[in-house]
Amino acid sequence: MTSVNSALPKDTAHAPPVHALRIMTANVHKGFTFFNRKFMLPELRDAVNTTGVDLVFMQEVLGSHARHASRFADWPATPHYEYLADTMWSDFAYGRNAVYPEGDHGNALLSKFPILRYENLDVSIKGTEERGLLHSVLDVPGQPDVHAVCVHLGLREAHRQQQLELLRKLLDSLPADEPVIVAGDFNDWRRRADAVLARSGMREAFVEATGAPAKSFPARWPLLSLDRIYVRNATTHHPQVLTRKPWSHLSDHAPLVVEVRL
């Protein structure tokens, strides 16, 4: 488990209150297209910058990769999450989940608002499919602490069920009256996460709006509902699945976007 518990003082006390956040979640597939055919991180950054989102929940973000860095002329000199944040988001948090000889990858949160502290919880099961929950606490003007949890769960149903219970344990430990946003790649094509997380008071944005989770995979022809956005002590509005170009060509997952009102 990697954690940062820097209890920073709130510095937005005199800023105008913020009552709505526009958020995105995306599995960025380490900056490559489906089947790793082309490196797309620069195009992905340009596309995300056009959305006007305040928070970006990202999965499969590379922290480093020495072999790729030597192969691609446009490989960034900084970690991918820092490169993606660029000048659009002042704060970012990274939770390293997988480490290998060439580098590492994990979850990331890019935030327009100060991140007071964050913690990465290792929810890998039996040493396979390294997975994590990146929990960040945000300083949003006019609001109590806002909790953002970036999720990437395993491919095996039995592992996901154990990981969902670990996520519930985290959610149940948070203050009952503070806003919580949970987003990411749940790999939940069997649609079992909603009932589990409902026991912790979480509601899913697309289920609330349309009665079913969004289809987000594969990006070019979405058939499976793998990605989710859940909230507690907040409401969701205008959910979208970004399936058209350029999004259909930037990763193997289609991003989800929603407005969250606090």
Protein backbone atom coordinates (compact mmCIF):
# COMPACT_ATOMS: atom_id res chain seq x y z
CA MET A 1 0.00 0.00 0.00
CA THR A 2 1.27 3.45 -0.96
CA SER A 3 -0.15 6.43 0.89
CA VAL A 4 0.31 10.14 1.30
CA ASN A 5 -1.33 11.67 4.36
CA SER A 6 -0.27 15.29 4.05
CA ALA A 7 -2.98 17.17 5.97
CA LEU A 8 -2.81 20.38 4.00
CA PRO A 9 -4.76 23.41 5.27
CA LYS A 10 -7.77 24.45 3.21
CA ASP A 11 -6.89 27.47 1.05
CA THR A 12 -10.22 28.04 -0.73
CA ALA A 13 -12.13 29.53 2.19
CA HIS A 14 -12.63 32.86 0.42
CA ALA A 15 -13.32 31.48 -3.07
CA PRO A 16 -16.88 31.54 -4.48
CA PRO A 17 -18.81 28.37 -3.57
CA VAL A 18 -18.82 25.55 -6.12
CA HIS A 19 -22.03 23.53 -6.35
CA ALA A 20 -21.38 21.38 -9.42
CA LEU A 21 -18.43 19.39 -10.76
CA ARG A 22 -18.02 18.01 -14.25
CA ILE A 23 -16.17 14.71 -14.05
CA MET A 24 -14.76 12.15 -16.46
CA THR A 25 -13.57 8.59 -16.00
CA ALA A 26 -11.42 6.83 -18.58
CA ASN A 27 -9.25 3.74 -18.82
CA VAL A 28 -6.43 5.21 -20.94
CA HIS A 29 -4.84 1.83 -21.82
CA LYS A 30 -1.33 3.12 -21.02
CA GLY A 31 -1.63 5.73 -23.77
CA PHE A 32 -2.15 3.23 -26.61
CA THR A 33 -5.00 2.31 -28.94
CA PHE A 34 -6.77 -1.06 -28.93
CA PHE A 35 -4.25 -3.91 -29.39
CA ASN A 36 -1.44 -1.38 -28.64
CA ARG A 37 -1.22 -0.42 -32.31
CA LYS A 38 -0.45 3.28 -31.87
CA PHE A 39 0.75 5.62 -29.12
CA MET A 40 -2.05 8.18 -28.63
CA LEU A 41 -1.26 10.06 -25.42
CA PRO A 42 -0.70 13.49 -27.03
CA GLU A 43 -4.02 13.21 -28.90
CA LEU A 44 -5.72 11.98 -25.72
CA ARG A 45 -4.48 15.01 -23.78
CA ASP A 46 -5.76 17.38 -26.47
CA ALA A 47 -9.16 15.69 -26.46
CA VAL A 48 -9.54 15.71 -22.67
CA ASN A 49 -8.61 19.39 -22.61
CA THR A 50 -11.65 20.21 -24.76
CA THR A 51 -14.19 18.72 -22.35
CA GLY A 52 -14.12 21.35 -19.59
CA VAL A 53 -14.10 18.68 -16.87
CA ASP A 54 -13.01 19.53 -13.32
CA LEU A 55 -11.96 16.02 -12.24
CA VAL A 56 -10.53 13.19 -14.32
CA PHE A 57 -10.45 9.63 -12.94
CA MET A 58 -7.95 7.57 -14.95
CA GLN A 59 -6.98 3.92 -14.92
CA GLU A 60 -3.98 2.16 -16.52
CA VAL A 61 -1.88 5.33 -16.44
CA LEU A 62 1.86 4.83 -16.88
CA GLY A 63 4.19 6.30 -14.32
CA SER A 64 7.21 5.18 -16.33
CA HIS A 65 8.23 2.72 -19.05
CA ALA A 66 11.88 2.71 -20.07
CA ARG A 67 11.48 0.57 -23.20
CA HIS A 68 8.59 2.61 -24.62
CA ALA A 69 10.43 5.84 -23.82
CA SER A 70 13.27 4.74 -26.08
CA ARG A 71 10.95 3.69 -28.94
CA PHE A 72 8.60 6.68 -29.33
CA ALA A 73 9.86 10.14 -30.27
CA ASP A 74 6.82 11.86 -28.70
CA TRP A 75 7.09 9.98 -25.39
CA PRO A 76 6.74 12.57 -22.59
CA ALA A 77 9.65 13.34 -20.28
CA THR A 78 7.30 13.41 -17.28
CA PRO A 79 5.02 10.65 -15.88
CA HIS A 80 1.88 10.29 -17.98
CA TYR A 81 -0.47 11.58 -15.27
CA GLU A 82 1.63 14.74 -14.95
CA TYR A 83 1.77 15.14 -18.72
CA LEU A 84 -2.02 14.76 -18.95
CA ALA A 85 -2.61 17.29 -16.18
CA ASP A 86 -0.43 19.83 -18.00
CA THR A 87 -1.85 23.33 -17.36
CA MET A 88 -5.51 22.25 -17.10
CA TRP A 89 -5.55 20.72 -13.63
CA SER A 90 -3.48 22.14 -10.80
CA ASP A 91 -3.38 18.98 -8.67
CA PHE A 92 -2.91 15.28 -9.37
CA ALA A 93 -2.58 12.06 -7.40
CA TYR A 94 -1.12 8.77 -8.58
CA GLY A 95 -1.59 5.31 -7.11
CA ARG A 96 0.96 2.83 -8.42
CA ASN A 97 -0.63 -0.61 -8.75
CA ALA A 98 1.68 -2.65 -10.98
CA VAL A 99 5.50 -2.60 -11.02
CA TYR A 100 7.61 -4.47 -13.61
CA PRO A 101 11.18 -4.25 -14.97
CA GLU A 102 10.30 -1.59 -17.57
CA GLY A 103 8.25 0.67 -15.27
CA ASP A 104 4.89 0.94 -13.52
CA HIS A 105 1.23 1.88 -13.99
CA GLY A 106 -1.81 2.55 -11.85
CA ASN A 107 -4.72 4.91 -11.19
CA ALA A 108 -4.60 8.70 -11.28
CA LEU A 109 -6.82 11.63 -10.38
CA LEU A 110 -6.43 15.02 -12.07
CA SER A 111 -8.15 17.82 -10.17
CA LYS A 112 -8.97 21.48 -10.70
CA PHE A 113 -9.26 21.75 -6.91
CA PRO A 114 -6.59 21.19 -4.24
CA ILE A 115 -6.03 17.59 -3.16
CA LEU A 116 -5.65 17.73 0.61
CA ARG A 117 -4.40 14.16 0.93
CA TYR A 118 -4.59 10.82 -0.84
CA GLU A 119 -4.05 7.14 -0.20
CA ASN A 120 -3.69 4.21 -2.58
CA LEU A 121 -5.19 0.99 -1.26
CA ASP A 122 -3.87 -2.26 -2.71
CA VAL A 123 -6.83 -4.57 -3.42
CA SER A 124 -4.93 -7.18 -5.43
CA ILE A 125 -6.11 -10.72 -4.71
CA LYS A 126 -3.53 -13.51 -4.28
CA GLY A 127 -0.84 -11.53 -6.04
CA THR A 128 -2.52 -11.58 -9.47
CA GLU A 129 -3.90 -8.65 -11.49
CA GLU A 130 -2.49 -5.81 -9.42
CA ARG A 131 -5.43 -3.49 -8.62
CA GLY A 132 -5.99 -0.47 -6.43
CA LEU A 133 -8.39 2.10 -4.99
CA LEU A 134 -7.00 5.64 -5.10
CA HIS A 135 -8.82 7.69 -2.43
CA SER A 136 -8.32 11.46 -2.59
CA VAL A 137 -9.81 14.17 -0.38
CA LEU A 138 -10.55 17.41 -2.24
CA ASP A 139 -10.90 21.01 -1.12
CA VAL A 140 -13.90 22.29 -3.12
CA PRO A 141 -14.93 25.88 -2.25
CA GLY A 142 -18.05 26.09 -0.12
CA GLN A 143 -18.20 22.33 0.48
CA PRO A 144 -17.11 19.93 3.20
CA ASP A 145 -14.37 17.50 2.25
CA VAL A 146 -15.20 15.85 -1.08
CA HIS A 147 -14.01 12.26 -1.43
CA ALA A 148 -12.97 10.92 -4.84
CA VAL A 149 -12.17 7.22 -5.26
CA CYS A 150 -10.61 6.04 -8.54
CA VAL A 151 -11.25 2.32 -9.04
CA HIS A 152 -9.79 -0.47 -11.17
CA LEU A 153 -11.10 -3.95 -10.33
CA GLY A 154 -10.03 -7.37 -11.51
CA LEU A 155 -11.12 -9.51 -14.44
CA ARG A 156 -12.24 -12.48 -12.34
CA GLU A 157 -15.71 -12.40 -10.79
CA ALA A 158 -14.56 -13.89 -7.48
CA HIS A 159 -11.81 -11.27 -7.20
CA ARG A 160 -14.21 -8.44 -8.04
CA GLN A 161 -16.60 -9.50 -5.31
CA GLN A 162 -13.80 -9.40 -2.74
CA GLN A 163 -12.61 -6.04 -4.08
CA LEU A 164 -16.12 -4.59 -3.94
CA GLU A 165 -16.30 -5.55 -0.28
CA LEU A 166 -12.98 -3.78 0.32
CA LEU A 167 -14.39 -0.74 -1.47
CA ARG A 168 -17.51 -0.90 0.73
CA LYS A 169 -15.29 -1.03 3.82
CA LEU A 170 -13.55 2.15 2.66
CA LEU A 171 -16.87 3.88 1.87
CA ASP A 172 -18.38 2.92 5.23
CA SER A 173 -15.35 4.42 6.99
CA LEU A 174 -15.93 7.89 5.46
CA PRO A 175 -18.03 10.57 7.19
CA ALA A 176 -21.68 9.85 6.49
CA ASP A 177 -22.54 13.43 5.52
CA GLU A 178 -19.66 14.24 3.12
CA PRO A 179 -19.93 13.95 -0.70
CA VAL A 180 -18.36 10.85 -2.26
CA ILE A 181 -17.65 10.20 -5.94
CA VAL A 182 -16.47 6.75 -7.03
CA ALA A 183 -15.52 6.20 -10.67
CA GLY A 184 -13.44 3.89 -12.78
CA ASP A 185 -13.12 0.56 -14.55
CA PHE A 186 -15.08 -2.02 -12.59
CA ASN A 187 -14.82 -4.76 -15.27
CA ASP A 188 -18.40 -5.48 -14.21
CA TRP A 189 -19.97 -6.90 -17.36
CA ARG A 190 -22.26 -9.02 -15.18
CA ARG A 191 -23.69 -5.83 -13.60
CA ARG A 192 -23.37 -6.95 -10.00
CA ALA A 193 -21.61 -3.92 -8.52
CA ASP A 194 -24.73 -1.74 -8.23
CA ALA A 195 -26.46 -3.97 -5.69
CA VAL A 196 -23.29 -4.34 -3.62
CA LEU A 197 -22.50 -0.61 -3.47
CA ALA A 198 -26.13 0.34 -2.85
CA ARG A 199 -25.63 -1.13 0.63
CA SER A 200 -23.19 1.74 1.23
CA GLY A 201 -25.61 4.34 -0.11
CA MET A 202 -24.01 4.69 -3.57
CA ARG A 203 -26.05 5.43 -6.70
CA GLU A 204 -24.79 4.98 -10.26
CA ALA A 205 -25.16 7.91 -12.68
CA PHE A 206 -26.31 6.03 -15.80
CA VAL A 207 -28.56 3.64 -13.88
CA GLU A 208 -30.29 6.66 -12.30
CA ALA A 209 -30.74 8.33 -15.70
CA THR A 210 -31.47 5.41 -18.03
CA GLY A 211 -32.05 2.33 -15.88
CA ALA A 212 -28.84 0.59 -16.97
CA PRO A 213 -25.06 1.13 -16.80
CA ALA A 214 -23.34 2.67 -19.81
CA LYS A 215 -21.81 0.44 -22.48
CA SER A 216 -18.19 1.52 -22.75
CA PHE A 217 -16.13 -1.37 -24.15
CA PRO A 218 -14.73 -1.77 -26.73
CA ALA A 219 -14.60 1.93 -27.52
CA ARG A 220 -15.36 1.62 -31.26
CA TRP A 221 -18.36 -0.70 -30.82
CA PRO A 222 -19.38 -0.56 -27.13
CA LEU A 223 -21.05 -3.79 -26.07
CA LEU A 224 -20.02 -4.30 -22.43
CA SER A 225 -20.76 -2.17 -19.37
CA LEU A 226 -17.37 -2.07 -17.65
CA ASP A 227 -17.09 1.49 -16.35
CA ARG A 228 -19.11 3.23 -13.63
CA ILE A 229 -19.70 6.54 -11.83
CA TYR A 230 -21.27 6.37 -8.35
CA VAL A 231 -22.12 9.16 -5.91
CA ARG A 232 -23.31 9.62 -2.34
CA ASN A 233 -24.56 12.90 -0.83
CA ALA A 234 -24.68 14.31 -4.37
CA THR A 235 -26.76 14.01 -7.53
CA THR A 236 -25.76 13.22 -11.11
CA HIS A 237 -26.98 14.94 -14.27
CA HIS A 238 -26.49 14.72 -18.06
CA PRO A 239 -24.41 11.51 -18.20
CA GLN A 240 -22.63 10.90 -21.50
CA VAL A 241 -20.62 8.13 -23.12
CA LEU A 242 -18.00 9.58 -25.47
CA THR A 243 -18.07 7.12 -28.35
CA ARG A 244 -17.54 9.28 -31.43
CA LYS A 245 -14.21 10.33 -32.91
CA PRO A 246 -11.70 11.13 -31.59
CA TRP A 247 -12.69 9.14 -28.48
CA SER A 248 -13.37 5.89 -30.32
CA HIS A 249 -9.74 5.84 -31.49
CA LEU A 250 -7.90 7.01 -28.35
CA SER A 251 -8.18 3.95 -26.09
CA ASP A 252 -9.99 0.64 -25.78
CA HIS A 253 -12.58 2.11 -23.35
CA ALA A 254 -14.99 4.95 -24.12
CA PRO A 255 -14.83 7.67 -21.43
CA LEU A 256 -17.85 8.52 -19.28
CA VAL A 257 -18.71 12.12 -18.37
CA VAL A 258 -21.31 13.42 -15.90
CA GLU A 259 -22.18 16.55 -13.94
CA VAL A 260 -22.19 16.01 -10.17
CA ARG A 261 -24.14 18.51 -8.07
CA LEU A 262 -23.12 18.88 -4.46
